[in-house]
């Protein structure tokens, strides 16, 4: 900013939003729209959970908030039968970090929900790219059959 002022270089003009509902929004506007902090927005951008771009490093973020993105990150209620990351990992027979990877790469349908004051993922296992694991031992089975 001081270099621009010293050399009388005008600042980047902020273009008005094309669509007041979808944006593009800056990081602070997106935070207000989703009801989260700027730190959360920057974390989601860094982790790839939320897509955004910058014209240049240090420039304001330009974030599109489609209906699908809003549903995914809004913190509302998950549909009936959707499960937590831990439960999804257990049922799919994969690690929790792999479940989060599937969420980030949009290969697993998931939404953010509010649990007390924290945000948690709820996952639709029907959208999983791998099959669910069957129970190895039933409750009535005390061990392997002979």
C-alpha atoms as a PDB file:
ATOM      1  CA  UNK A   1       0.000   0.000   0.000  1.00  0.00           C
ATOM      2  CA  UNK A   2       2.820   2.414   0.834  1.00  0.00           C
ATOM      3  CA  UNK A   3       4.545   1.647  -2.489  1.00  0.00           C
ATOM      4  CA  UNK A   4       1.328   2.327  -4.377  1.00  0.00           C
ATOM      5  CA  UNK A   5       0.915   5.616  -2.539  1.00  0.00           C
ATOM      6  CA  UNK A   6       4.537   6.661  -3.095  1.00  0.00           C
ATOM      7  CA  UNK A   7       4.364   5.916  -6.829  1.00  0.00           C
ATOM      8  CA  UNK A   8       0.733   7.071  -7.178  1.00  0.00           C
ATOM      9  CA  UNK A   9      -0.446   3.688  -8.392  1.00  0.00           C
ATOM     10  CA  UNK A  10      -4.212   3.368  -8.004  1.00  0.00           C
ATOM     11  CA  UNK A  11      -5.546   0.502  -5.919  1.00  0.00           C
ATOM     12  CA  UNK A  12      -7.396  -2.394  -7.467  1.00  0.00           C
ATOM     13  CA  UNK A  13     -10.999  -1.401  -7.933  1.00  0.00           C
ATOM     14  CA  UNK A  14     -13.527  -3.710  -6.334  1.00  0.00           C
ATOM     15  CA  UNK A  15     -15.967  -4.914  -8.942  1.00  0.00           C
ATOM     16  CA  UNK A  16     -19.598  -4.991  -7.847  1.00  0.00           C
ATOM     17  CA  UNK A  17     -21.084  -8.428  -7.292  1.00  0.00           C
ATOM     18  CA  UNK A  18     -22.590  -9.930 -10.418  1.00  0.00           C
ATOM     19  CA  UNK A  19     -25.231 -11.694  -8.389  1.00  0.00           C
ATOM     20  CA  UNK A  20     -26.119 -10.441  -4.912  1.00  0.00           C
ATOM     21  CA  UNK A  21     -26.875 -14.002  -3.805  1.00  0.00           C
ATOM     22  CA  UNK A  22     -23.857 -15.850  -5.287  1.00  0.00           C
ATOM     23  CA  UNK A  23     -21.211 -13.120  -5.331  1.00  0.00           C
ATOM     24  CA  UNK A  24     -18.292 -13.096  -5.757  1.00  0.00           C
ATOM     25  CA  UNK A  25     -17.766 -12.197  -2.102  1.00  0.00           C
ATOM     26  CA  UNK A  26     -14.659 -11.135  -0.228  1.00  0.00           C
ATOM     27  CA  UNK A  27     -13.564 -13.366   2.665  1.00  0.00           C
ATOM     28  CA  UNK A  28     -15.205 -11.118   5.275  1.00  0.00           C
ATOM     29  CA  UNK A  29     -18.441 -10.930   3.265  1.00  0.00           C
ATOM     30  CA  UNK A  30     -18.443 -14.730   2.836  1.00  0.00           C
ATOM     31  CA  UNK A  31     -17.902 -15.134   6.583  1.00  0.00           C
ATOM     32  CA  UNK A  32     -20.918 -12.920   7.292  1.00  0.00           C
ATOM     33  CA  UNK A  33     -23.022 -14.797   4.715  1.00  0.00           C
ATOM     34  CA  UNK A  34     -22.173 -18.219   6.204  1.00  0.00           C
ATOM     35  CA  UNK A  35     -22.233 -17.120   9.843  1.00  0.00           C
ATOM     36  CA  UNK A  36     -18.618 -18.083  10.554  1.00  0.00           C
ATOM     37  CA  UNK A  37     -15.414 -16.208  11.361  1.00  0.00           C
ATOM     38  CA  UNK A  38     -12.836 -14.972   8.854  1.00  0.00           C
ATOM     39  CA  UNK A  39     -10.434 -17.525  10.348  1.00  0.00           C
ATOM     40  CA  UNK A  40     -12.830 -20.317   9.398  1.00  0.00           C
ATOM     41  CA  UNK A  41     -13.165 -18.954   5.851  1.00  0.00           C
ATOM     42  CA  UNK A  42      -9.374 -18.795   5.443  1.00  0.00           C
ATOM     43  CA  UNK A  43      -9.048 -22.319   6.870  1.00  0.00           C
ATOM     44  CA  UNK A  44     -11.671 -23.635   4.416  1.00  0.00           C
ATOM     45  CA  UNK A  45      -9.916 -21.846   1.533  1.00  0.00           C
ATOM     46  CA  UNK A  46      -6.532 -23.266   2.559  1.00  0.00           C
ATOM     47  CA  UNK A  47      -7.925 -26.806   2.959  1.00  0.00           C
ATOM     48  CA  UNK A  48      -9.859 -26.698  -0.311  1.00  0.00           C
ATOM     49  CA  UNK A  49     -13.268 -27.027   1.323  1.00  0.00           C
ATOM     50  CA  UNK A  50     -14.291 -23.618  -0.036  1.00  0.00           C
ATOM     51  CA  UNK A  51     -13.251 -22.493  -3.526  1.00  0.00           C
ATOM     52  CA  UNK A  52     -11.986 -18.979  -4.076  1.00  0.00           C
ATOM     53  CA  UNK A  53      -9.343 -17.090  -5.995  1.00  0.00           C
ATOM     54  CA  UNK A  54      -7.249 -13.967  -5.781  1.00  0.00           C
ATOM     55  CA  UNK A  55      -6.194 -11.763  -8.702  1.00  0.00           C
ATOM     56  CA  UNK A  56      -2.743 -11.558  -7.107  1.00  0.00           C
ATOM     57  CA  UNK A  57      -1.247 -12.658  -3.771  1.00  0.00           C
ATOM     58  CA  UNK A  58      -2.580 -10.348  -1.081  1.00  0.00           C
ATOM     59  CA  UNK A  59      -5.545  -9.217  -3.201  1.00  0.00           C
ATOM     60  CA  UNK A  60      -9.065  -9.665  -1.833  1.00  0.00           C
ATOM     61  CA  UNK A  61     -10.516 -13.148  -2.151  1.00  0.00           C
ATOM     62  CA  UNK A  62     -13.295 -13.692  -4.689  1.00  0.00           C
ATOM     63  CA  UNK A  63     -15.582 -16.431  -3.410  1.00  0.00           C
ATOM     64  CA  UNK A  64     -18.726 -17.705  -5.117  1.00  0.00           C
ATOM     65  CA  UNK A  65     -21.425 -18.966  -2.746  1.00  0.00           C
ATOM     66  CA  UNK A  66     -23.762 -21.120  -4.796  1.00  0.00           C
ATOM     67  CA  UNK A  67     -26.805 -22.773  -3.238  1.00  0.00           C
ATOM     68  CA  UNK A  68     -24.858 -26.055  -3.113  1.00  0.00           C
ATOM     69  CA  UNK A  69     -21.927 -24.428  -1.260  1.00  0.00           C
ATOM     70  CA  UNK A  70     -24.309 -22.687   1.159  1.00  0.00           C
ATOM     71  CA  UNK A  71     -26.090 -25.986   1.936  1.00  0.00           C
ATOM     72  CA  UNK A  72     -22.745 -27.728   2.465  1.00  0.00           C
ATOM     73  CA  UNK A  73     -21.318 -25.089   4.829  1.00  0.00           C
ATOM     74  CA  UNK A  74     -24.346 -23.407   6.400  1.00  0.00           C
ATOM     75  CA  UNK A  75     -24.408 -25.310   9.683  1.00  0.00           C
ATOM     76  CA  UNK A  76     -28.014 -26.404   9.334  1.00  0.00           C
ATOM     77  CA  UNK A  77     -29.467 -29.838  10.001  1.00  0.00           C
ATOM     78  CA  UNK A  78     -28.342 -32.914   8.109  1.00  0.00           C
ATOM     79  CA  UNK A  79     -30.897 -35.197   6.478  1.00  0.00           C
ATOM     80  CA  UNK A  80     -31.959 -38.304   8.381  1.00  0.00           C
ATOM     81  CA  UNK A  81     -29.415 -41.117   8.318  1.00  0.00           C
ATOM     82  CA  UNK A  82     -26.311 -39.010   7.599  1.00  0.00           C
ATOM     83  CA  UNK A  83     -23.393 -39.919   9.869  1.00  0.00           C
ATOM     84  CA  UNK A  84     -20.317 -38.355  11.498  1.00  0.00           C
ATOM     85  CA  UNK A  85     -16.774 -38.565  10.108  1.00  0.00           C
ATOM     86  CA  UNK A  86     -15.872 -41.256  12.672  1.00  0.00           C
ATOM     87  CA  UNK A  87     -18.920 -43.345  11.867  1.00  0.00           C
ATOM     88  CA  UNK A  88     -18.351 -42.945   8.107  1.00  0.00           C
ATOM     89  CA  UNK A  89     -14.726 -44.073   8.488  1.00  0.00           C
ATOM     90  CA  UNK A  90     -15.831 -47.102  10.493  1.00  0.00           C
ATOM     91  CA  UNK A  91     -18.569 -48.114   8.061  1.00  0.00           C
ATOM     92  CA  UNK A  92     -16.419 -47.553   4.964  1.00  0.00           C
ATOM     93  CA  UNK A  93     -13.365 -49.243   6.452  1.00  0.00           C
ATOM     94  CA  UNK A  94     -11.106 -46.236   5.825  1.00  0.00           C
ATOM     95  CA  UNK A  95      -9.345 -43.642   7.971  1.00  0.00           C
ATOM     96  CA  UNK A  96     -11.015 -40.438   9.171  1.00  0.00           C
ATOM     97  CA  UNK A  97      -8.458 -38.421   7.215  1.00  0.00           C
ATOM     98  CA  UNK A  98      -9.465 -40.264   4.035  1.00  0.00           C
ATOM     99  CA  UNK A  99     -13.124 -39.455   4.713  1.00  0.00           C
ATOM    100  CA  UNK A 100     -12.198 -35.761   5.062  1.00  0.00           C
ATOM    101  CA  UNK A 101     -10.203 -36.020   1.805  1.00  0.00           C
ATOM    102  CA  UNK A 102     -13.297 -37.435   0.054  1.00  0.00           C
ATOM    103  CA  UNK A 103     -15.355 -34.529   1.406  1.00  0.00           C
ATOM    104  CA  UNK A 104     -12.798 -31.938   0.242  1.00  0.00           C
ATOM    105  CA  UNK A 105     -12.636 -33.427  -3.244  1.00  0.00           C
ATOM    106  CA  UNK A 106     -16.465 -33.554  -3.463  1.00  0.00           C
ATOM    107  CA  UNK A 107     -16.469 -37.344  -3.873  1.00  0.00           C
ATOM    108  CA  UNK A 108     -18.532 -37.739  -0.730  1.00  0.00           C
ATOM    109  CA  UNK A 109     -21.686 -35.735  -0.105  1.00  0.00           C
ATOM    110  CA  UNK A 110     -21.442 -33.929   3.221  1.00  0.00           C
ATOM    111  CA  UNK A 111     -22.847 -30.925   5.054  1.00  0.00           C
ATOM    112  CA  UNK A 112     -21.720 -28.918   8.055  1.00  0.00           C
ATOM    113  CA  UNK A 113     -24.014 -29.049  11.081  1.00  0.00           C
ATOM    114  CA  UNK A 114     -23.916 -27.183  14.360  1.00  0.00           C
ATOM    115  CA  UNK A 115     -23.357 -29.396  17.379  1.00  0.00           C
ATOM    116  CA  UNK A 116     -23.493 -27.238  20.483  1.00  0.00           C
ATOM    117  CA  UNK A 117     -21.168 -24.384  19.458  1.00  0.00           C
ATOM    118  CA  UNK A 118     -19.026 -26.442  17.095  1.00  0.00           C
ATOM    119  CA  UNK A 119     -19.349 -27.295  13.424  1.00  0.00           C
ATOM    120  CA  UNK A 120     -19.237 -30.959  12.455  1.00  0.00           C
ATOM    121  CA  UNK A 121     -19.533 -32.856   9.182  1.00  0.00           C
ATOM    122  CA  UNK A 122     -22.469 -35.172   8.501  1.00  0.00           C
ATOM    123  CA  UNK A 123     -22.004 -37.542   5.596  1.00  0.00           C
ATOM    124  CA  UNK A 124     -24.310 -39.296   3.170  1.00  0.00           C
ATOM    125  CA  UNK A 125     -22.854 -42.801   2.906  1.00  0.00           C
ATOM    126  CA  UNK A 126     -25.041 -43.569  -0.110  1.00  0.00           C
ATOM    127  CA  UNK A 127     -22.808 -41.172  -2.091  1.00  0.00           C
ATOM    128  CA  UNK A 128     -19.590 -42.991  -1.124  1.00  0.00           C
ATOM    129  CA  UNK A 129     -17.292 -44.046  -3.984  1.00  0.00           C
ATOM    130  CA  UNK A 130     -16.424 -47.218  -2.045  1.00  0.00           C
ATOM    131  CA  UNK A 131     -18.790 -49.793  -0.602  1.00  0.00           C
ATOM    132  CA  UNK A 132     -19.704 -49.910   3.060  1.00  0.00           C
ATOM    133  CA  UNK A 133     -18.093 -52.655   5.105  1.00  0.00           C
ATOM    134  CA  UNK A 134     -20.283 -55.355   6.562  1.00  0.00           C
ATOM    135  CA  UNK A 135     -19.998 -56.113  10.235  1.00  0.00           C
ATOM    136  CA  UNK A 136     -17.233 -58.646  10.836  1.00  0.00           C
ATOM    137  CA  UNK A 137     -18.910 -60.111  13.868  1.00  0.00           C
ATOM    138  CA  UNK A 138     -22.553 -60.006  14.709  1.00  0.00           C
ATOM    139  CA  UNK A 139     -23.725 -59.552  18.272  1.00  0.00           C
ATOM    140  CA  UNK A 140     -24.768 -63.197  18.453  1.00  0.00           C
ATOM    141  CA  UNK A 141     -21.444 -64.439  17.189  1.00  0.00           C
ATOM    142  CA  UNK A 142     -18.807 -64.993  19.886  1.00  0.00           C
ATOM    143  CA  UNK A 143     -16.003 -65.715  17.479  1.00  0.00           C
ATOM    144  CA  UNK A 144     -15.130 -67.399  14.223  1.00  0.00           C
ATOM    145  CA  UNK A 145     -17.047 -70.531  13.338  1.00  0.00           C
ATOM    146  CA  UNK A 146     -15.184 -73.820  13.427  1.00  0.00           C
END
